[in-house]
N, C-alpha and C. Protein backbone atom coordinates (compact mmCIF):
# COMPACT_ATOMS: atom_id res chain seq x y z
N UNK A 1 -63.69 19.47 142.95
CA UNK A 1 -63.51 18.20 142.14
C UNK A 1 -63.14 18.62 140.71
N UNK A 2 -62.19 17.73 140.08
CA UNK A 2 -61.92 18.15 138.87
C UNK A 2 -61.77 16.95 137.97
N UNK A 3 -62.53 16.99 136.76
CA UNK A 3 -62.61 15.73 136.06
C UNK A 3 -61.14 15.35 135.52
N UNK A 4 -60.84 14.09 135.55
CA UNK A 4 -59.51 13.80 135.15
C UNK A 4 -59.66 13.36 133.55
N UNK A 5 -60.84 13.27 133.17
CA UNK A 5 -61.14 13.10 131.60
C UNK A 5 -62.54 13.26 131.34
N UNK A 6 -62.68 14.15 130.60
CA UNK A 6 -64.08 14.40 130.01
C UNK A 6 -64.48 13.46 129.09
N UNK A 7 -63.42 12.89 128.33
CA UNK A 7 -63.92 12.01 127.24
C UNK A 7 -63.55 10.50 127.74
N UNK A 8 -63.14 10.16 128.71
CA UNK A 8 -62.92 8.84 129.09
C UNK A 8 -61.63 8.41 128.84
N UNK A 9 -60.61 9.39 128.31
CA UNK A 9 -59.25 8.94 127.96
C UNK A 9 -58.59 8.30 129.04
N UNK A 10 -58.68 9.00 130.39
CA UNK A 10 -58.04 8.66 131.52
C UNK A 10 -58.36 7.03 131.83
N UNK A 11 -59.63 6.77 131.53
CA UNK A 11 -59.95 5.33 131.78
C UNK A 11 -59.30 4.36 130.74
N UNK A 12 -58.65 4.82 129.68
CA UNK A 12 -58.18 3.92 128.86
C UNK A 12 -56.69 3.92 128.82
N UNK A 13 -56.04 4.63 129.61
CA UNK A 13 -54.58 4.76 129.61
C UNK A 13 -54.09 3.37 129.91
N UNK A 14 -53.11 2.93 129.14
CA UNK A 14 -52.56 1.63 129.27
C UNK A 14 -51.64 1.71 130.66
N UNK A 15 -51.99 0.65 131.48
CA UNK A 15 -51.31 0.45 132.68
C UNK A 15 -50.81 -1.02 132.80
N UNK A 16 -49.86 -1.27 133.72
CA UNK A 16 -49.33 -2.69 133.72
C UNK A 16 -49.44 -3.18 135.11
N UNK A 17 -50.07 -4.11 135.57
CA UNK A 17 -50.11 -4.53 136.89
C UNK A 17 -48.63 -5.19 137.18
N UNK A 18 -48.43 -5.32 138.57
CA UNK A 18 -47.04 -5.63 138.80
C UNK A 18 -46.85 -7.08 138.49
N UNK A 19 -47.92 -7.83 138.25
CA UNK A 19 -47.86 -9.12 137.76
C UNK A 19 -47.52 -9.41 136.25
N UNK A 20 -47.63 -8.09 135.53
CA UNK A 20 -47.42 -8.26 134.20
C UNK A 20 -48.62 -8.07 133.28
N UNK A 21 -49.84 -8.17 134.06
CA UNK A 21 -51.26 -8.18 133.47
C UNK A 21 -51.54 -6.65 132.91
N UNK A 22 -52.07 -6.65 131.67
CA UNK A 22 -52.38 -5.38 131.22
C UNK A 22 -53.65 -4.83 132.02
N UNK A 23 -53.67 -3.62 132.19
CA UNK A 23 -54.84 -2.89 133.05
C UNK A 23 -55.11 -1.50 132.42
N UNK A 24 -56.28 -1.01 132.82
CA UNK A 24 -56.68 0.55 132.79
C UNK A 24 -57.37 0.89 133.98
N UNK A 25 -57.41 2.21 134.28
CA UNK A 25 -58.43 2.65 135.37
C UNK A 25 -59.87 2.15 135.01
N UNK A 26 -60.23 2.00 133.82
CA UNK A 26 -61.49 1.51 133.33
C UNK A 26 -61.75 0.28 134.10
N UNK A 27 -60.86 -0.63 134.33
CA UNK A 27 -61.07 -1.86 135.11
C UNK A 27 -61.60 -1.52 136.63
N UNK A 28 -61.55 -0.42 137.04
CA UNK A 28 -61.88 -0.09 138.46
C UNK A 28 -63.20 1.03 138.20
N UNK A 29 -63.75 1.05 137.12
CA UNK A 29 -64.86 1.90 137.03
C UNK A 29 -65.97 1.70 138.08
N UNK A 30 -66.45 2.76 138.64
CA UNK A 30 -67.50 2.76 139.62
C UNK A 30 -66.87 2.62 141.07
N UNK A 31 -65.66 2.34 140.97
CA UNK A 31 -64.87 2.38 142.53
C UNK A 31 -64.42 3.66 142.75
N UNK A 32 -64.28 4.00 144.31
CA UNK A 32 -63.38 4.93 144.73
C UNK A 32 -62.05 4.49 144.66
N UNK A 33 -61.15 5.29 144.15
CA UNK A 33 -59.67 4.94 144.06
C UNK A 33 -58.80 5.92 144.83
N UNK A 34 -57.78 5.31 145.60
CA UNK A 34 -56.85 5.95 146.12
C UNK A 34 -55.51 5.69 145.39
N UNK A 35 -55.09 6.54 144.63
CA UNK A 35 -53.95 6.43 143.80
C UNK A 35 -52.57 6.82 144.59
N UNK A 36 -51.60 6.07 144.95
CA UNK A 36 -50.42 6.36 145.66
C UNK A 36 -49.22 5.96 145.02
N UNK A 37 -48.21 6.96 144.94
CA UNK A 37 -46.93 6.51 144.51
C UNK A 37 -46.14 5.92 145.81
N UNK A 38 -45.71 4.81 145.53
CA UNK A 38 -45.02 4.07 146.67
C UNK A 38 -43.60 3.75 146.61
N UNK A 39 -42.72 3.63 147.69
CA UNK A 39 -41.51 3.02 147.68
C UNK A 39 -41.27 2.33 148.68
N UNK A 40 -40.31 1.27 148.76
CA UNK A 40 -39.94 0.41 149.78
C UNK A 40 -38.80 0.90 150.66
N UNK A 41 -38.05 1.84 150.25
CA UNK A 41 -36.80 2.23 151.07
C UNK A 41 -36.75 3.64 151.59
N UNK A 42 -38.15 4.09 151.76
CA UNK A 42 -38.38 5.42 152.22
C UNK A 42 -38.82 5.49 153.72
N UNK A 43 -38.52 6.80 154.28
CA UNK A 43 -39.00 6.91 155.69
C UNK A 43 -40.45 6.88 155.81
N UNK A 44 -41.19 7.08 154.69
CA UNK A 44 -42.70 6.74 154.75
C UNK A 44 -43.16 5.47 154.52
N UNK A 45 -42.43 4.49 154.18
CA UNK A 45 -42.77 3.23 153.67
C UNK A 45 -43.61 2.51 154.76
N UNK A 46 -43.61 2.81 156.13
CA UNK A 46 -44.59 2.26 156.94
C UNK A 46 -46.06 2.50 156.67
N UNK A 47 -46.39 3.46 155.72
CA UNK A 47 -47.59 3.83 155.38
C UNK A 47 -48.35 2.67 154.66
N UNK A 48 -47.63 1.67 154.02
CA UNK A 48 -48.06 0.47 153.28
C UNK A 48 -49.02 -0.17 154.40
N UNK A 49 -48.68 -0.27 155.68
CA UNK A 49 -49.49 -0.95 156.70
C UNK A 49 -50.85 -0.33 156.84
N UNK A 50 -50.93 1.07 156.91
CA UNK A 50 -52.02 1.87 157.01
C UNK A 50 -52.85 1.78 155.73
N UNK A 51 -52.20 1.85 154.61
CA UNK A 51 -52.84 1.73 153.38
C UNK A 51 -53.67 0.49 153.40
N UNK A 52 -52.90 -0.82 153.77
CA UNK A 52 -53.60 -1.90 153.74
C UNK A 52 -54.77 -2.03 154.56
N UNK A 53 -54.72 -1.49 155.81
CA UNK A 53 -55.85 -1.46 156.76
C UNK A 53 -57.10 -0.69 156.05
N UNK A 54 -56.72 0.47 155.42
CA UNK A 54 -57.64 1.32 154.90
C UNK A 54 -58.52 0.56 153.67
N UNK A 55 -57.76 -0.27 153.07
CA UNK A 55 -58.15 -1.12 151.77
C UNK A 55 -59.15 -2.11 152.39
N UNK A 56 -58.74 -2.79 153.42
CA UNK A 56 -59.49 -3.84 154.00
C UNK A 56 -60.66 -3.50 154.62
N UNK A 57 -60.62 -2.21 155.32
CA UNK A 57 -61.78 -1.53 155.78
C UNK A 57 -62.90 -1.21 154.79
N UNK A 58 -62.59 -0.62 153.67
CA UNK A 58 -63.36 -0.10 152.77
C UNK A 58 -63.73 -0.86 151.40
N UNK A 59 -62.94 -1.89 151.20
CA UNK A 59 -62.95 -2.53 149.80
C UNK A 59 -64.38 -2.99 149.64
N UNK A 60 -65.09 -3.58 150.64
CA UNK A 60 -66.44 -4.03 150.18
C UNK A 60 -67.54 -3.06 150.05
N UNK A 61 -66.99 -1.93 150.16
CA UNK A 61 -67.87 -0.58 149.65
C UNK A 61 -67.50 -0.09 148.32
N UNK A 62 -66.62 -0.72 147.73
CA UNK A 62 -66.05 -0.29 146.35
C UNK A 62 -64.93 0.69 146.45
N UNK A 63 -63.93 0.62 147.38
CA UNK A 63 -62.84 1.23 147.55
C UNK A 63 -61.53 0.42 147.29
N UNK A 64 -60.68 1.01 146.36
CA UNK A 64 -59.52 0.34 145.93
C UNK A 64 -58.23 1.27 146.25
N UNK A 65 -57.26 0.83 146.90
CA UNK A 65 -55.99 1.46 146.90
C UNK A 65 -55.16 1.00 145.67
N UNK A 66 -54.55 1.87 144.81
CA UNK A 66 -53.87 1.44 143.85
C UNK A 66 -52.36 1.91 144.09
N UNK A 67 -51.53 1.15 144.11
CA UNK A 67 -50.01 1.22 144.55
C UNK A 67 -49.14 1.38 143.33
N UNK A 68 -48.47 2.65 142.88
CA UNK A 68 -47.61 2.72 141.82
C UNK A 68 -46.22 2.98 142.26
N UNK A 69 -45.32 1.95 142.23
CA UNK A 69 -44.03 2.11 142.71
C UNK A 69 -43.24 3.06 141.79
N UNK A 70 -42.52 3.82 142.49
CA UNK A 70 -41.58 4.79 141.65
C UNK A 70 -40.35 5.06 142.35
N UNK A 71 -39.28 5.25 141.41
CA UNK A 71 -37.96 5.29 141.94
C UNK A 71 -37.37 6.85 141.68
N UNK A 72 -38.29 7.82 141.73
CA UNK A 72 -38.14 9.18 141.46
C UNK A 72 -37.35 9.87 142.60
N UNK A 73 -37.40 9.41 143.76
CA UNK A 73 -36.91 10.28 144.78
C UNK A 73 -35.93 9.63 145.58
N UNK A 74 -34.69 9.97 145.32
CA UNK A 74 -33.42 9.49 146.07
C UNK A 74 -33.30 8.01 145.82
N UNK A 75 -33.88 7.36 144.53
CA UNK A 75 -33.72 6.07 144.43
C UNK A 75 -34.27 5.19 145.51
N UNK A 76 -35.45 5.57 146.04
CA UNK A 76 -35.88 4.68 147.14
C UNK A 76 -36.81 3.53 146.71
N UNK A 77 -36.88 3.33 145.46
CA UNK A 77 -37.63 2.08 145.09
C UNK A 77 -36.84 1.53 143.79
N UNK A 78 -35.59 0.82 144.20
CA UNK A 78 -34.63 0.48 143.21
C UNK A 78 -35.07 -1.11 142.66
N UNK A 79 -35.98 -1.63 143.31
CA UNK A 79 -36.14 -3.10 142.94
C UNK A 79 -36.95 -3.33 141.73
N UNK A 80 -36.88 -4.52 141.31
CA UNK A 80 -37.60 -5.11 140.08
C UNK A 80 -39.17 -5.15 140.53
N UNK A 81 -40.01 -5.39 139.57
CA UNK A 81 -41.48 -5.55 139.99
C UNK A 81 -41.58 -6.83 140.89
N UNK A 82 -40.82 -7.94 140.65
CA UNK A 82 -40.86 -9.14 141.45
C UNK A 82 -40.40 -8.74 142.78
N UNK A 83 -39.31 -8.10 142.93
CA UNK A 83 -38.87 -7.95 144.29
C UNK A 83 -39.61 -6.88 145.19
N UNK A 84 -40.27 -5.94 144.38
CA UNK A 84 -41.36 -4.88 145.14
C UNK A 84 -42.40 -5.80 145.55
N UNK A 85 -42.95 -6.62 144.65
CA UNK A 85 -44.31 -7.52 144.97
C UNK A 85 -44.00 -8.33 146.35
N UNK A 86 -42.78 -8.92 146.29
CA UNK A 86 -42.35 -9.72 147.41
C UNK A 86 -42.37 -9.06 148.64
N UNK A 87 -41.56 -7.88 148.59
CA UNK A 87 -41.42 -7.05 149.74
C UNK A 87 -42.69 -6.53 150.34
N UNK A 88 -43.60 -6.25 149.49
CA UNK A 88 -44.86 -5.64 149.90
C UNK A 88 -45.78 -6.78 150.53
N UNK A 89 -45.75 -7.93 149.96
CA UNK A 89 -46.27 -9.06 150.52
C UNK A 89 -45.90 -9.54 151.88
N UNK A 90 -44.35 -9.75 151.85
CA UNK A 90 -43.93 -10.25 153.09
C UNK A 90 -43.74 -9.26 154.15
N UNK A 91 -43.42 -8.02 153.92
CA UNK A 91 -43.35 -6.96 154.98
C UNK A 91 -44.54 -6.34 155.38
N UNK A 92 -45.48 -6.13 154.55
CA UNK A 92 -46.94 -5.53 154.98
C UNK A 92 -48.00 -6.28 154.64
N UNK A 93 -48.02 -7.55 154.24
CA UNK A 93 -49.22 -8.29 153.61
C UNK A 93 -50.02 -7.55 152.73
N UNK A 94 -49.52 -6.76 151.73
CA UNK A 94 -50.37 -6.01 150.98
C UNK A 94 -51.15 -6.92 150.02
N UNK A 95 -52.44 -6.55 149.91
CA UNK A 95 -53.19 -7.21 149.06
C UNK A 95 -53.94 -6.30 147.99
N UNK A 96 -53.87 -5.07 148.17
CA UNK A 96 -54.32 -4.01 147.29
C UNK A 96 -53.68 -4.09 146.02
N UNK A 97 -54.07 -3.71 144.88
CA UNK A 97 -53.60 -3.78 143.61
C UNK A 97 -52.26 -2.93 143.60
N UNK A 98 -51.19 -3.59 142.94
CA UNK A 98 -49.86 -2.88 142.83
C UNK A 98 -49.68 -2.90 141.33
N UNK A 99 -48.97 -1.90 140.91
CA UNK A 99 -48.67 -1.83 139.38
C UNK A 99 -47.21 -1.65 139.21
N UNK A 100 -46.97 -1.93 137.74
CA UNK A 100 -45.49 -1.92 137.32
C UNK A 100 -44.79 -0.46 137.79
N UNK A 101 -43.44 -0.56 138.20
CA UNK A 101 -42.80 0.66 138.38
C UNK A 101 -43.02 1.71 137.27
N UNK A 102 -43.29 2.82 137.65
CA UNK A 102 -43.32 4.00 136.75
C UNK A 102 -42.66 5.33 137.21
N UNK A 103 -42.53 6.27 136.31
CA UNK A 103 -42.07 7.54 136.81
C UNK A 103 -43.24 8.45 136.95
N UNK A 104 -43.15 9.20 138.10
CA UNK A 104 -44.19 10.03 138.58
C UNK A 104 -43.83 11.58 138.39
N UNK A 105 -42.52 11.81 137.88
CA UNK A 105 -41.91 13.11 137.70
C UNK A 105 -40.81 13.15 136.42
N UNK A 106 -40.63 14.24 136.09
CA UNK A 106 -39.59 14.30 134.95
C UNK A 106 -40.15 14.04 133.70
N UNK A 107 -39.02 13.90 132.71
CA UNK A 107 -39.50 13.65 131.50
C UNK A 107 -40.23 12.40 131.05
N UNK A 108 -39.91 11.30 131.88
CA UNK A 108 -40.51 10.12 131.67
C UNK A 108 -41.76 9.75 132.35
N UNK A 109 -42.25 10.96 133.06
CA UNK A 109 -43.47 10.86 133.75
C UNK A 109 -44.68 10.08 133.04
N UNK A 110 -45.26 9.14 133.77
CA UNK A 110 -46.37 8.31 133.20
C UNK A 110 -47.59 9.31 132.89
N UNK A 111 -48.30 9.21 131.75
CA UNK A 111 -49.25 10.07 131.43
C UNK A 111 -50.46 10.00 132.57
N UNK A 112 -50.56 8.97 133.31
CA UNK A 112 -51.52 8.92 134.38
C UNK A 112 -51.21 10.05 135.31
N UNK A 113 -49.90 10.13 135.83
CA UNK A 113 -49.48 11.21 136.61
C UNK A 113 -49.56 12.65 136.22
N UNK A 114 -49.33 12.78 134.91
CA UNK A 114 -49.50 13.99 134.11
C UNK A 114 -50.92 14.44 134.32
N UNK A 115 -51.93 13.42 134.17
CA UNK A 115 -53.31 13.83 134.12
C UNK A 115 -53.78 14.09 135.56
N UNK A 116 -53.37 13.48 136.51
CA UNK A 116 -53.72 13.50 137.87
C UNK A 116 -53.26 14.97 138.31
N UNK A 117 -52.08 15.39 138.11
CA UNK A 117 -51.65 16.49 138.50
C UNK A 117 -52.24 17.78 137.73
N UNK A 118 -52.48 17.50 136.53
CA UNK A 118 -53.28 18.58 135.78
C UNK A 118 -54.62 18.82 136.40
N UNK A 119 -55.30 17.67 136.81
CA UNK A 119 -56.61 17.66 137.32
C UNK A 119 -56.65 18.39 138.76
N UNK A 120 -55.61 18.18 139.57
CA UNK A 120 -55.54 18.48 141.02
C UNK A 120 -54.09 18.97 141.17
N UNK A 121 -53.73 20.27 140.96
CA UNK A 121 -52.45 20.75 141.13
C UNK A 121 -52.06 20.92 142.65
N UNK A 122 -52.94 20.97 143.55
CA UNK A 122 -52.60 21.51 144.83
C UNK A 122 -52.94 20.18 145.83
N UNK A 123 -52.04 19.97 146.85
CA UNK A 123 -52.28 19.00 147.86
C UNK A 123 -52.67 19.62 149.08
N UNK A 124 -53.54 18.73 149.87
CA UNK A 124 -53.86 19.07 151.22
C UNK A 124 -53.07 18.52 152.14
N UNK A 125 -53.06 19.18 153.24
CA UNK A 125 -52.29 18.27 154.40
C UNK A 125 -50.91 18.99 154.58
N UNK A 126 -50.74 20.38 154.33
CA UNK A 126 -49.50 21.14 154.67
C UNK A 126 -48.26 20.57 153.81
N UNK A 127 -48.52 20.50 152.62
CA UNK A 127 -47.35 20.13 151.68
C UNK A 127 -46.15 21.08 151.96
N UNK A 128 -46.48 22.31 152.11
CA UNK A 128 -45.21 23.40 152.38
C UNK A 128 -44.24 22.91 153.57
N UNK A 129 -45.00 22.43 154.66
CA UNK A 129 -44.08 22.11 155.76
C UNK A 129 -43.38 20.95 155.38
N UNK A 130 -44.00 19.86 154.73
CA UNK A 130 -43.22 18.72 154.20
C UNK A 130 -42.03 19.17 153.41
N UNK A 131 -42.28 19.91 152.39
CA UNK A 131 -41.18 20.41 151.48
C UNK A 131 -40.18 21.16 152.38
N UNK A 132 -40.40 22.04 153.18
CA UNK A 132 -39.55 22.58 154.04
C UNK A 132 -38.59 21.62 154.92
N UNK A 133 -39.29 20.47 155.32
CA UNK A 133 -38.47 19.48 155.91
C UNK A 133 -37.58 18.82 155.09
N UNK A 134 -37.85 18.50 153.94
CA UNK A 134 -37.03 17.86 152.95
C UNK A 134 -36.03 18.84 152.60
N UNK A 135 -36.09 20.15 152.29
CA UNK A 135 -35.09 21.04 152.21
C UNK A 135 -34.18 21.13 153.07
N UNK A 136 -34.71 21.12 154.43
CA UNK A 136 -33.89 21.13 155.58
C UNK A 136 -32.92 19.88 155.75
N UNK A 137 -33.19 18.78 155.05
CA UNK A 137 -32.26 17.68 154.92
C UNK A 137 -31.35 17.82 153.74
N UNK A 138 -31.47 18.91 153.04
CA UNK A 138 -30.59 19.09 151.80
C UNK A 138 -31.28 18.40 150.58
N UNK A 139 -32.45 17.94 150.68
CA UNK A 139 -32.86 17.41 149.54
C UNK A 139 -33.70 18.41 148.64
N UNK A 140 -33.41 18.37 147.24
CA UNK A 140 -33.98 19.09 146.38
C UNK A 140 -35.40 18.75 146.05
N UNK A 141 -36.44 19.34 146.00
CA UNK A 141 -37.81 19.07 145.69
C UNK A 141 -38.26 19.50 144.27
N UNK A 142 -39.38 18.76 143.90
CA UNK A 142 -39.94 19.22 142.63
C UNK A 142 -40.68 20.50 142.84
N UNK A 143 -40.71 21.41 141.87
CA UNK A 143 -41.52 22.52 141.96
C UNK A 143 -43.00 22.22 141.95
N UNK A 144 -43.92 22.99 142.62
CA UNK A 144 -45.28 22.70 142.34
C UNK A 144 -45.54 22.92 140.99
N UNK A 145 -46.53 22.17 140.46
CA UNK A 145 -47.52 21.36 141.16
C UNK A 145 -46.90 19.75 141.02
N UNK A 146 -45.84 19.69 140.84
CA UNK A 146 -45.25 18.21 140.67
C UNK A 146 -45.48 17.62 142.01
N UNK A 147 -45.40 16.03 141.78
CA UNK A 147 -45.46 15.29 142.99
C UNK A 147 -44.34 15.53 143.84
N UNK A 148 -44.55 15.82 145.10
CA UNK A 148 -43.51 16.06 146.11
C UNK A 148 -42.65 14.97 146.49
N UNK A 149 -43.22 13.80 146.76
CA UNK A 149 -42.47 12.84 147.30
C UNK A 149 -43.02 11.58 147.12
N UNK A 150 -42.58 10.52 147.74
CA UNK A 150 -43.20 9.13 147.82
C UNK A 150 -44.56 9.29 148.81
N UNK A 151 -45.49 8.39 148.38
CA UNK A 151 -46.68 8.42 149.19
C UNK A 151 -47.65 9.62 148.95
N UNK A 152 -47.46 10.31 147.94
CA UNK A 152 -48.56 11.41 147.70
C UNK A 152 -49.77 10.69 147.15
N UNK A 153 -51.02 11.19 147.57
CA UNK A 153 -52.20 10.40 147.36
C UNK A 153 -53.20 11.21 146.53
N UNK A 154 -53.89 10.53 145.57
CA UNK A 154 -54.89 11.20 144.79
C UNK A 154 -56.12 10.44 144.97
N UNK A 155 -57.28 10.87 145.46
CA UNK A 155 -58.46 10.33 145.50
C UNK A 155 -59.50 10.57 144.40
N UNK A 156 -59.91 9.54 143.76
CA UNK A 156 -60.60 9.54 142.70
C UNK A 156 -62.08 8.99 143.03
N UNK A 157 -63.00 9.77 142.65
CA UNK A 157 -64.44 9.39 142.90
C UNK A 157 -65.01 8.28 142.02
N UNK A 158 -66.17 7.77 142.36
CA UNK A 158 -66.75 6.86 141.50
C UNK A 158 -67.04 7.24 140.07
N UNK A 159 -67.18 8.52 139.83
CA UNK A 159 -67.46 9.03 138.56
C UNK A 159 -66.25 9.42 137.84
N UNK A 160 -65.03 9.21 138.37
CA UNK A 160 -63.84 9.49 137.56
C UNK A 160 -63.13 10.61 137.73
N UNK A 161 -63.64 11.52 138.75
CA UNK A 161 -63.17 12.85 138.98
C UNK A 161 -62.18 12.80 140.04
N UNK A 162 -61.18 13.63 140.08
CA UNK A 162 -60.30 13.72 141.13
C UNK A 162 -61.01 14.51 142.20
N UNK A 163 -61.18 13.84 143.43
CA UNK A 163 -61.86 14.46 144.46
C UNK A 163 -60.73 15.34 145.49
N UNK A 164 -59.78 14.81 145.50
CA UNK A 164 -58.70 15.57 146.37
C UNK A 164 -57.32 15.00 146.20
N UNK A 165 -56.14 15.66 146.57
CA UNK A 165 -54.91 15.37 146.55
C UNK A 165 -54.25 15.56 147.85
N UNK A 166 -53.35 14.52 148.37
CA UNK A 166 -52.99 14.66 149.81
C UNK A 166 -51.36 14.64 149.77
N UNK A 167 -50.84 15.52 150.57
CA UNK A 167 -49.53 15.50 150.61
C UNK A 167 -48.92 14.10 151.23
N UNK A 168 -47.71 13.76 150.86
CA UNK A 168 -46.90 12.46 151.39
C UNK A 168 -47.29 12.24 152.91
N UNK A 169 -47.04 13.60 153.54
CA UNK A 169 -47.16 13.44 155.08
C UNK A 169 -48.54 13.10 155.72
N UNK A 170 -49.46 13.07 154.80
CA UNK A 170 -50.94 12.79 155.30
C UNK A 170 -50.81 11.19 155.38
N UNK A 171 -50.95 10.75 156.73
CA UNK A 171 -51.13 9.45 157.11
C UNK A 171 -52.33 8.76 156.42
N UNK A 172 -52.35 7.60 155.99
CA UNK A 172 -53.62 7.05 155.34
C UNK A 172 -54.73 7.10 156.21
N UNK A 173 -54.65 6.91 157.55
CA UNK A 173 -55.75 6.83 158.60
C UNK A 173 -56.05 8.29 159.36
N UNK A 174 -55.40 9.26 158.63
CA UNK A 174 -55.75 10.69 159.34
C UNK A 174 -57.13 11.08 158.87
N UNK A 175 -57.82 11.87 159.70
CA UNK A 175 -59.35 12.31 159.57
C UNK A 175 -59.46 12.88 158.35
N UNK A 176 -58.51 13.78 157.86
CA UNK A 176 -58.77 14.59 156.59
C UNK A 176 -58.86 13.45 155.40
N UNK A 177 -58.16 12.46 155.38
CA UNK A 177 -58.35 11.55 154.36
C UNK A 177 -59.43 10.50 154.50
N UNK A 178 -59.71 10.10 155.58
CA UNK A 178 -60.76 9.14 155.85
C UNK A 178 -62.13 9.91 155.59
N UNK A 179 -62.24 11.01 156.00
CA UNK A 179 -63.47 11.93 155.73
C UNK A 179 -63.65 12.01 154.17
N UNK A 180 -62.64 12.31 153.36
CA UNK A 180 -62.66 12.46 152.03
C UNK A 180 -63.04 11.18 151.41
N UNK A 181 -62.54 9.96 151.82
CA UNK A 181 -62.91 8.66 151.26
C UNK A 181 -64.51 8.31 151.63
N UNK A 182 -64.84 8.60 152.88
CA UNK A 182 -66.08 8.22 153.31
C UNK A 182 -67.18 9.14 152.41
N UNK A 183 -66.72 10.36 152.26
CA UNK A 183 -67.82 11.23 151.38
C UNK A 183 -67.85 10.76 149.87
N UNK A 184 -66.61 10.23 149.49
CA UNK A 184 -66.59 9.68 147.81
C UNK A 184 -67.41 8.52 147.93
N UNK A 185 -67.33 7.58 148.85
CA UNK A 185 -68.10 6.32 148.90
C UNK A 185 -69.50 6.56 149.02
N UNK A 186 -69.96 7.71 149.78
CA UNK A 186 -71.45 7.91 149.84
C UNK A 186 -72.07 8.48 148.63
N UNK A 187 -71.32 8.87 147.61
CA UNK A 187 -71.89 9.50 146.41
C UNK A 187 -72.29 8.42 145.68
């Protein structure tokens, strides 16, 4: 477990909800968070459905999925915030919090993702196998420790520490992720 902010700076980073409301991670203080970079035109997009089930299963225990749309990987999230929100609601009945589109890689990388990666540079769930699969399709990938692809997941404990990071190929309802969430909720 790695602290994402010893001084609480992470809690104060400005974020924008997909509806235009100003937010910070501090709005979720005391909750267990699963931060996911999402995209609506990706082969992994169906993970929205399982993320929503996960959210509905554990939300009464203080669990939140926070979705951050990003267009960093083959432009698989080209829509506006309004289009993304409509897609998520109509296609997957998403009710977990979504945020305004950000960059999770490159020079424009949002400070949230810079801090998350610094706190937990290694993913669980066979990221090398997923990377090899992408390369096999002729897709250039980010070097480690950068975010590999859409639907990479960071688990944040109630105390604001990064508990774990999961490769995009880790499905939301896989035992490795469920176990980590349940351990974080029990703390």
